[in-house]
């Protein structure tokens, strides 16, 4: 999974500033990776967030997270629309 994201970043000449993973379910509210993504966006630390699928970022409320990131100046890029069945 991470390798596909790294490959996408290299292909698009993006500099990877950080990588975050959350082992827990997208339903879990205590997600350290997501908390760091939001915190660093609020601090202006990055301008693009590359994710594999939208529901990898959040099973519910994705549009709210995407809107907040956009407000912080961060473009969210999903390299695939949805997970394969």
PDB file of N, CA and C in Angstrom:
ATOM      1  N   UNK A   1       0.828  -1.200   0.000  1.00  0.00           N
ATOM      2  CA  UNK A   1       0.000   0.000   0.000  1.00  0.00           C
ATOM      3  C   UNK A   1       0.864   1.253   0.000  1.00  0.00           C
ATOM      4  N   UNK A   2       1.782   1.375   0.947  1.00  0.00           N
ATOM      5  CA  UNK A   2       2.604   2.584   1.028  1.00  0.00           C
ATOM      6  C   UNK A   2       3.476   2.726  -0.214  1.00  0.00           C
ATOM      7  N   UNK A   3       3.898   1.606  -0.771  1.00  0.00           N
ATOM      8  CA  UNK A   3       4.759   1.679  -1.950  1.00  0.00           C
ATOM      9  C   UNK A   3       4.028   2.323  -3.134  1.00  0.00           C
ATOM     10  N   UNK A   4       2.747   2.039  -3.298  1.00  0.00           N
ATOM     11  CA  UNK A   4       1.970   2.669  -4.385  1.00  0.00           C
ATOM     12  C   UNK A   4       1.904   4.184  -4.188  1.00  0.00           C
ATOM     13  N   UNK A   5       1.757   4.604  -2.942  1.00  0.00           N
ATOM     14  CA  UNK A   5       1.706   6.037  -2.652  1.00  0.00           C
ATOM     15  C   UNK A   5       3.063   6.690  -2.893  1.00  0.00           C
ATOM     16  N   UNK A   6       4.137   6.005  -2.490  1.00  0.00           N
ATOM     17  CA  UNK A   6       5.486   6.527  -2.733  1.00  0.00           C
ATOM     18  C   UNK A   6       5.750   6.645  -4.234  1.00  0.00           C
ATOM     19  N   UNK A   7       5.335   5.634  -4.979  1.00  0.00           N
ATOM     20  CA  UNK A   7       5.517   5.632  -6.435  1.00  0.00           C
ATOM     21  C   UNK A   7       4.770   6.816  -7.059  1.00  0.00           C
ATOM     22  N   UNK A   8       3.541   7.043  -6.637  1.00  0.00           N
ATOM     23  CA  UNK A   8       2.750   8.173  -7.138  1.00  0.00           C
ATOM     24  C   UNK A   8       3.470   9.493  -6.846  1.00  0.00           C
ATOM     25  N   UNK A   9       3.985   9.628  -5.640  1.00  0.00           N
ATOM     26  CA  UNK A   9       4.691  10.853  -5.257  1.00  0.00           C
ATOM     27  C   UNK A   9       5.927  11.054  -6.140  1.00  0.00           C
ATOM     28  N   UNK A  10       6.694   9.988  -6.364  1.00  0.00           N
ATOM     29  CA  UNK A  10       7.882  10.095  -7.220  1.00  0.00           C
ATOM     30  C   UNK A  10       7.497  10.477  -8.651  1.00  0.00           C
ATOM     31  N   UNK A  11       6.475   9.824  -9.188  1.00  0.00           N
ATOM     32  CA  UNK A  11       6.032  10.101 -10.562  1.00  0.00           C
ATOM     33  C   UNK A  11       5.615  11.552 -10.757  1.00  0.00           C
ATOM     34  N   UNK A  12       5.090  12.156  -9.710  1.00  0.00           N
ATOM     35  CA  UNK A  12       4.612  13.536  -9.776  1.00  0.00           C
ATOM     36  C   UNK A  12       5.589  14.545  -9.191  1.00  0.00           C
ATOM     37  N   UNK A  13       6.802  14.088  -8.917  1.00  0.00           N
ATOM     38  CA  UNK A  13       7.874  14.945  -8.388  1.00  0.00           C
ATOM     39  C   UNK A  13       7.494  15.643  -7.092  1.00  0.00           C
ATOM     40  N   UNK A  14       6.730  14.954  -6.235  1.00  0.00           N
ATOM     41  CA  UNK A  14       6.395  15.492  -4.917  1.00  0.00           C
ATOM     42  C   UNK A  14       7.494  15.121  -3.936  1.00  0.00           C
ATOM     43  N   UNK A  15       7.782  16.005  -3.016  1.00  0.00           N
ATOM     44  CA  UNK A  15       8.702  15.708  -1.924  1.00  0.00           C
ATOM     45  C   UNK A  15       7.888  15.153  -0.766  1.00  0.00           C
ATOM     46  N   UNK A  16       8.224  13.963  -0.305  1.00  0.00           N
ATOM     47  CA  UNK A  16       7.493  13.351   0.809  1.00  0.00           C
ATOM     48  C   UNK A  16       8.038  13.933   2.102  1.00  0.00           C
ATOM     49  N   UNK A  17       7.165  14.595   2.841  1.00  0.00           N
ATOM     50  CA  UNK A  17       7.559  15.220   4.106  1.00  0.00           C
ATOM     51  C   UNK A  17       7.336  14.288   5.283  1.00  0.00           C
ATOM     52  N   UNK A  18       6.305  13.424   5.176  1.00  0.00           N
ATOM     53  CA  UNK A  18       5.984  12.500   6.269  1.00  0.00           C
ATOM     54  C   UNK A  18       5.069  11.415   5.723  1.00  0.00           C
ATOM     55  N   UNK A  19       5.073  10.284   6.423  1.00  0.00           N
ATOM     56  CA  UNK A  19       4.167   9.189   6.106  1.00  0.00           C
ATOM     57  C   UNK A  19       3.428   8.814   7.377  1.00  0.00           C
ATOM     58  N   UNK A  20       2.117   8.588   7.237  1.00  0.00           N
ATOM     59  CA  UNK A  20       1.292   8.238   8.384  1.00  0.00           C
ATOM     60  C   UNK A  20       0.490   6.988   8.085  1.00  0.00           C
ATOM     61  N   UNK A  21       0.375   6.131   9.061  1.00  0.00           N
ATOM     62  CA  UNK A  21      -0.492   4.968   8.950  1.00  0.00           C
ATOM     63  C   UNK A  21      -1.262   4.830  10.254  1.00  0.00           C
ATOM     64  N   UNK A  22      -2.458   4.306  10.127  1.00  0.00           N
ATOM     65  CA  UNK A  22      -3.261   3.958  11.294  1.00  0.00           C
ATOM     66  C   UNK A  22      -3.631   2.498  11.136  1.00  0.00           C
ATOM     67  N   UNK A  23      -3.342   1.711  12.142  1.00  0.00           N
ATOM     68  CA  UNK A  23      -3.634   0.284  12.080  1.00  0.00           C
ATOM     69  C   UNK A  23      -5.096   0.018  12.359  1.00  0.00           C
ATOM     70  N   UNK A  24      -5.709   0.874  13.132  1.00  0.00           N
ATOM     71  CA  UNK A  24      -7.083   0.642  13.562  1.00  0.00           C
ATOM     72  C   UNK A  24      -8.089   0.920  12.452  1.00  0.00           C
ATOM     73  N   UNK A  25      -9.300   0.560  12.706  1.00  0.00           N
ATOM     74  CA  UNK A  25     -10.403   0.755  11.768  1.00  0.00           C
ATOM     75  C   UNK A  25     -10.671   2.228  11.526  1.00  0.00           C
ATOM     76  N   UNK A  26     -11.206   2.523  10.336  1.00  0.00           N
ATOM     77  CA  UNK A  26     -11.609   3.889  10.023  1.00  0.00           C
ATOM     78  C   UNK A  26     -12.735   4.390  10.900  1.00  0.00           C
ATOM     79  N   UNK A  27     -13.365   3.481  11.652  1.00  0.00           N
ATOM     80  CA  UNK A  27     -14.441   3.882  12.559  1.00  0.00           C
ATOM     81  C   UNK A  27     -13.905   4.353  13.906  1.00  0.00           C
ATOM     82  N   UNK A  28     -12.650   4.024  14.196  1.00  0.00           N
ATOM     83  CA  UNK A  28     -12.043   4.362  15.471  1.00  0.00           C
ATOM     84  C   UNK A  28     -11.740   5.861  15.518  1.00  0.00           C
ATOM     85  N   UNK A  29     -12.167   6.531  16.591  1.00  0.00           N
ATOM     86  CA  UNK A  29     -11.920   7.969  16.719  1.00  0.00           C
ATOM     87  C   UNK A  29     -10.516   8.274  17.223  1.00  0.00           C
ATOM     88  N   UNK A  30      -9.835   7.298  17.816  1.00  0.00           N
ATOM     89  CA  UNK A  30      -8.505   7.536  18.388  1.00  0.00           C
ATOM     90  C   UNK A  30      -7.443   7.094  17.383  1.00  0.00           C
ATOM     91  N   UNK A  31      -7.248   7.903  16.361  1.00  0.00           N
ATOM     92  CA  UNK A  31      -6.315   7.564  15.300  1.00  0.00           C
ATOM     93  C   UNK A  31      -5.177   8.571  15.299  1.00  0.00           C
ATOM     94  N   UNK A  32      -4.028   8.142  15.783  1.00  0.00           N
ATOM     95  CA  UNK A  32      -2.875   9.034  15.905  1.00  0.00           C
ATOM     96  C   UNK A  32      -2.429   9.572  14.542  1.00  0.00           C
ATOM     97  N   UNK A  33      -2.432   8.721  13.497  1.00  0.00           N
ATOM     98  CA  UNK A  33      -2.013   9.169  12.172  1.00  0.00           C
ATOM     99  C   UNK A  33      -2.885  10.292  11.653  1.00  0.00           C
ATOM    100  N   UNK A  34      -4.203  10.125  11.746  1.00  0.00           N
ATOM    101  CA  UNK A  34      -5.130  11.156  11.283  1.00  0.00           C
ATOM    102  C   UNK A  34      -4.979  12.425  12.111  1.00  0.00           C
ATOM    103  N   UNK A  35      -4.806  12.275  13.405  1.00  0.00           N
ATOM    104  CA  UNK A  35      -4.615  13.448  14.272  1.00  0.00           C
ATOM    105  C   UNK A  35      -3.380  14.233  13.836  1.00  0.00           C
ATOM    106  N   UNK A  36      -2.295  13.536  13.500  1.00  0.00           N
ATOM    107  CA  UNK A  36      -1.078  14.205  13.044  1.00  0.00           C
ATOM    108  C   UNK A  36      -1.274  14.863  11.677  1.00  0.00           C
ATOM    109  N   UNK A  37      -2.007  14.203  10.787  1.00  0.00           N
ATOM    110  CA  UNK A  37      -2.313  14.780   9.472  1.00  0.00           C
ATOM    111  C   UNK A  37      -3.022  16.123   9.657  1.00  0.00           C
ATOM    112  N   UNK A  38      -4.013  16.150  10.527  1.00  0.00           N
ATOM    113  CA  UNK A  38      -4.765  17.383  10.765  1.00  0.00           C
ATOM    114  C   UNK A  38      -3.906  18.447  11.446  1.00  0.00           C
ATOM    115  N   UNK A  39      -3.155  18.046  12.444  1.00  0.00           N
ATOM    116  CA  UNK A  39      -2.323  18.996  13.193  1.00  0.00           C
ATOM    117  C   UNK A  39      -1.290  19.659  12.279  1.00  0.00           C
ATOM    118  N   UNK A  40      -0.605  18.851  11.458  1.00  0.00           N
ATOM    119  CA  UNK A  40       0.420  19.408  10.574  1.00  0.00           C
ATOM    120  C   UNK A  40      -0.188  20.275   9.480  1.00  0.00           C
ATOM    121  N   UNK A  41      -1.402  19.940   9.031  1.00  0.00           N
ATOM    122  CA  UNK A  41      -2.093  20.782   8.051  1.00  0.00           C
ATOM    123  C   UNK A  41      -2.406  22.138   8.672  1.00  0.00           C
ATOM    124  N   UNK A  42      -2.871  22.118   9.892  1.00  0.00           N
ATOM    125  CA  UNK A  42      -3.208  23.359  10.591  1.00  0.00           C
ATOM    126  C   UNK A  42      -1.981  24.226  10.814  1.00  0.00           C
ATOM    127  N   UNK A  43      -0.802  23.600  10.896  1.00  0.00           N
ATOM    128  CA  UNK A  43       0.457  24.334  11.079  1.00  0.00           C
ATOM    129  C   UNK A  43       1.090  24.724   9.744  1.00  0.00           C
ATOM    130  N   UNK A  44       0.436  24.357   8.626  1.00  0.00           N
ATOM    131  CA  UNK A  44       0.948  24.719   7.304  1.00  0.00           C
ATOM    132  C   UNK A  44       2.177  23.945   6.880  1.00  0.00           C
ATOM    133  N   UNK A  45       2.317  22.726   7.393  1.00  0.00           N
ATOM    134  CA  UNK A  45       3.527  21.938   7.146  1.00  0.00           C
ATOM    135  C   UNK A  45       3.554  21.221   5.795  1.00  0.00           C
ATOM    136  N   UNK A  46       2.433  21.103   5.115  1.00  0.00           N
ATOM    137  CA  UNK A  46       2.423  20.430   3.819  1.00  0.00           C
ATOM    138  C   UNK A  46       1.268  20.951   2.976  1.00  0.00           C
ATOM    139  N   UNK A  47       1.321  20.674   1.668  1.00  0.00           N
ATOM    140  CA  UNK A  47       0.301  21.221   0.768  1.00  0.00           C
ATOM    141  C   UNK A  47      -0.496  20.147   0.034  1.00  0.00           C
ATOM    142  N   UNK A  48      -0.044  18.891   0.070  1.00  0.00           N
ATOM    143  CA  UNK A  48      -0.770  17.804  -0.589  1.00  0.00           C
ATOM    144  C   UNK A  48      -0.783  16.579   0.319  1.00  0.00           C
ATOM    145  N   UNK A  49      -1.941  15.942   0.386  1.00  0.00           N
ATOM    146  CA  UNK A  49      -2.082  14.696   1.129  1.00  0.00           C
ATOM    147  C   UNK A  49      -2.464  13.620   0.119  1.00  0.00           C
ATOM    148  N   UNK A  50      -1.605  12.630  -0.050  1.00  0.00           N
ATOM    149  CA  UNK A  50      -1.860  11.554  -1.001  1.00  0.00           C
ATOM    150  C   UNK A  50      -2.366  10.349  -0.219  1.00  0.00           C
ATOM    151  N   UNK A  51      -3.549   9.877  -0.599  1.00  0.00           N
ATOM    152  CA  UNK A  51      -4.138   8.701   0.041  1.00  0.00           C
ATOM    153  C   UNK A  51      -4.488   7.690  -1.038  1.00  0.00           C
ATOM    154  N   UNK A  52      -4.642   6.454  -0.631  1.00  0.00           N
ATOM    155  CA  UNK A  52      -4.964   5.429  -1.612  1.00  0.00           C
ATOM    156  C   UNK A  52      -6.442   5.509  -2.018  1.00  0.00           C
ATOM    157  N   UNK A  53      -7.331   5.469  -1.040  1.00  0.00           N
ATOM    158  CA  UNK A  53      -8.776   5.530  -1.274  1.00  0.00           C
ATOM    159  C   UNK A  53      -9.369   6.510  -0.272  1.00  0.00           C
ATOM    160  N   UNK A  54     -10.438   7.220  -0.645  1.00  0.00           N
ATOM    161  CA  UNK A  54     -11.048   8.148   0.314  1.00  0.00           C
ATOM    162  C   UNK A  54     -11.429   7.487   1.635  1.00  0.00           C
ATOM    163  N   UNK A  55     -11.943   6.254   1.596  1.00  0.00           N
ATOM    164  CA  UNK A  55     -12.367   5.658   2.866  1.00  0.00           C
ATOM    165  C   UNK A  55     -11.200   5.156   3.707  1.00  0.00           C
ATOM    166  N   UNK A  56      -9.989   5.252   3.210  1.00  0.00           N
ATOM    167  CA  UNK A  56      -8.815   4.963   4.042  1.00  0.00           C
ATOM    168  C   UNK A  56      -8.544   6.120   4.992  1.00  0.00           C
ATOM    169  N   UNK A  57      -8.945   7.306   4.587  1.00  0.00           N
ATOM    170  CA  UNK A  57      -8.782   8.465   5.464  1.00  0.00           C
ATOM    171  C   UNK A  57      -9.864   8.468   6.530  1.00  0.00           C
ATOM    172  N   UNK A  58     -11.089   8.172   6.126  1.00  0.00           N
ATOM    173  CA  UNK A  58     -12.209   8.124   7.070  1.00  0.00           C
ATOM    174  C   UNK A  58     -13.367   7.367   6.435  1.00  0.00           C
ATOM    175  N   UNK A  59     -13.930   6.444   7.171  1.00  0.00           N
ATOM    176  CA  UNK A  59     -15.092   5.697   6.672  1.00  0.00           C
ATOM    177  C   UNK A  59     -16.320   6.606   6.605  1.00  0.00           C
ATOM    178  N   UNK A  60     -16.430   7.499   7.585  1.00  0.00           N
ATOM    179  CA  UNK A  60     -17.527   8.459   7.632  1.00  0.00           C
ATOM    180  C   UNK A  60     -16.938   9.842   7.839  1.00  0.00           C
ATOM    181  N   UNK A  61     -17.546  10.830   7.244  1.00  0.00           N
ATOM    182  CA  UNK A  61     -17.087  12.199   7.450  1.00  0.00           C
ATOM    183  C   UNK A  61     -15.918  12.609   6.581  1.00  0.00           C
ATOM    184  N   UNK A  62     -15.625  11.840   5.539  1.00  0.00           N
ATOM    185  CA  UNK A  62     -14.489  12.166   4.664  1.00  0.00           C
ATOM    186  C   UNK A  62     -14.612  13.587   4.122  1.00  0.00           C
ATOM    187  N   UNK A  63     -15.805  13.976   3.679  1.00  0.00           N
ATOM    188  CA  UNK A  63     -15.970  15.302   3.072  1.00  0.00           C
ATOM    189  C   UNK A  63     -15.658  16.417   4.071  1.00  0.00           C
ATOM    190  N   UNK A  64     -15.939  16.182   5.362  1.00  0.00           N
ATOM    191  CA  UNK A  64     -15.622  17.192   6.378  1.00  0.00           C
ATOM    192  C   UNK A  64     -14.112  17.323   6.572  1.00  0.00           C
ATOM    193  N   UNK A  65     -13.434  16.180   6.589  1.00  0.00           N
ATOM    194  CA  UNK A  65     -11.975  16.199   6.742  1.00  0.00           C
ATOM    195  C   UNK A  65     -11.341  16.852   5.521  1.00  0.00           C
ATOM    196  N   UNK A  66     -11.810  16.467   4.330  1.00  0.00           N
ATOM    197  CA  UNK A  66     -11.290  17.054   3.102  1.00  0.00           C
ATOM    198  C   UNK A  66     -11.514  18.568   3.088  1.00  0.00           C
ATOM    199  N   UNK A  67     -12.680  19.014   3.531  1.00  0.00           N
ATOM    200  CA  UNK A  67     -12.995  20.453   3.573  1.00  0.00           C
ATOM    201  C   UNK A  67     -12.063  21.180   4.548  1.00  0.00           C
ATOM    202  N   UNK A  68     -11.823  20.581   5.707  1.00  0.00           N
ATOM    203  CA  UNK A  68     -10.932  21.205   6.691  1.00  0.00           C
ATOM    204  C   UNK A  68      -9.512  21.291   6.133  1.00  0.00           C
ATOM    205  N   UNK A  69      -9.057  20.221   5.498  1.00  0.00           N
ATOM    206  CA  UNK A  69      -7.718  20.238   4.917  1.00  0.00           C
ATOM    207  C   UNK A  69      -7.611  21.319   3.843  1.00  0.00           C
ATOM    208  N   UNK A  70      -8.637  21.444   3.017  1.00  0.00           N
ATOM    209  CA  UNK A  70      -8.642  22.470   1.972  1.00  0.00           C
ATOM    210  C   UNK A  70      -8.571  23.859   2.597  1.00  0.00           C
ATOM    211  N   UNK A  71      -9.315  24.070   3.681  1.00  0.00           N
ATOM    212  CA  UNK A  71      -9.274  25.337   4.408  1.00  0.00           C
ATOM    213  C   UNK A  71      -7.852  25.633   4.891  1.00  0.00           C
ATOM    214  N   UNK A  72      -7.120  24.568   5.249  1.00  0.00           N
ATOM    215  CA  UNK A  72      -5.736  24.703   5.718  1.00  0.00           C
ATOM    216  C   UNK A  72      -4.749  24.825   4.556  1.00  0.00           C
ATOM    217  N   UNK A  73      -5.259  24.780   3.309  1.00  0.00           N
ATOM    218  CA  UNK A  73      -4.384  24.905   2.147  1.00  0.00           C
ATOM    219  C   UNK A  73      -3.838  23.588   1.640  1.00  0.00           C
ATOM    220  N   UNK A  74      -4.449  22.491   2.039  1.00  0.00           N
ATOM    221  CA  UNK A  74      -3.968  21.160   1.655  1.00  0.00           C
ATOM    222  C   UNK A  74      -4.917  20.540   0.633  1.00  0.00           C
ATOM    223  N   UNK A  75      -4.353  20.112  -0.491  1.00  0.00           N
ATOM    224  CA  UNK A  75      -5.107  19.379  -1.506  1.00  0.00           C
ATOM    225  C   UNK A  75      -5.041  17.890  -1.173  1.00  0.00           C
ATOM    226  N   UNK A  76      -6.186  17.232  -1.143  1.00  0.00           N
ATOM    227  CA  UNK A  76      -6.242  15.796  -0.888  1.00  0.00           C
ATOM    228  C   UNK A  76      -6.330  15.075  -2.230  1.00  0.00           C
ATOM    229  N   UNK A  77      -5.403  14.136  -2.448  1.00  0.00           N
ATOM    230  CA  UNK A  77      -5.346  13.387  -3.697  1.00  0.00           C
ATOM    231  C   UNK A  77      -5.554  11.909  -3.383  1.00  0.00           C
ATOM    232  N   UNK A  78      -6.644  11.347  -3.881  1.00  0.00           N
ATOM    233  CA  UNK A  78      -6.894   9.910  -3.756  1.00  0.00           C
ATOM    234  C   UNK A  78      -6.475   9.268  -5.075  1.00  0.00           C
ATOM    235  N   UNK A  79      -5.553   8.291  -5.015  1.00  0.00           N
ATOM    236  CA  UNK A  79      -5.036   7.721  -6.259  1.00  0.00           C
ATOM    237  C   UNK A  79      -5.973   6.646  -6.828  1.00  0.00           C
ATOM    238  N   UNK A  80      -6.999   6.255  -6.084  1.00  0.00           N
ATOM    239  CA  UNK A  80      -8.011   5.314  -6.580  1.00  0.00           C
ATOM    240  C   UNK A  80      -9.354   5.726  -5.992  1.00  0.00           C
ATOM    241  N   UNK A  81     -10.423   5.471  -6.704  1.00  0.00           N
ATOM    242  CA  UNK A  81     -11.749   5.867  -6.247  1.00  0.00           C
ATOM    243  C   UNK A  81     -12.259   5.032  -5.086  1.00  0.00           C
ATOM    244  N   UNK A  82     -12.133   3.702  -5.210  1.00  0.00           N
ATOM    245  CA  UNK A  82     -12.591   2.848  -4.121  1.00  0.00           C
ATOM    246  C   UNK A  82     -11.799   1.557  -4.104  1.00  0.00           C
ATOM    247  N   UNK A  83     -11.823   0.922  -2.944  1.00  0.00           N
ATOM    248  CA  UNK A  83     -11.081  -0.321  -2.785  1.00  0.00           C
ATOM    249  C   UNK A  83     -11.658  -1.408  -3.676  1.00  0.00           C
ATOM    250  N   UNK A  84     -10.789  -2.283  -4.218  1.00  0.00           N
ATOM    251  CA  UNK A  84     -11.317  -3.402  -4.993  1.00  0.00           C
ATOM    252  C   UNK A  84     -12.135  -4.324  -4.086  1.00  0.00           C
ATOM    253  N   UNK A  85     -13.136  -4.965  -4.663  1.00  0.00           N
ATOM    254  CA  UNK A  85     -14.006  -5.863  -3.878  1.00  0.00           C
ATOM    255  C   UNK A  85     -13.223  -7.075  -3.391  1.00  0.00           C
TER     256      UNK A  85
END
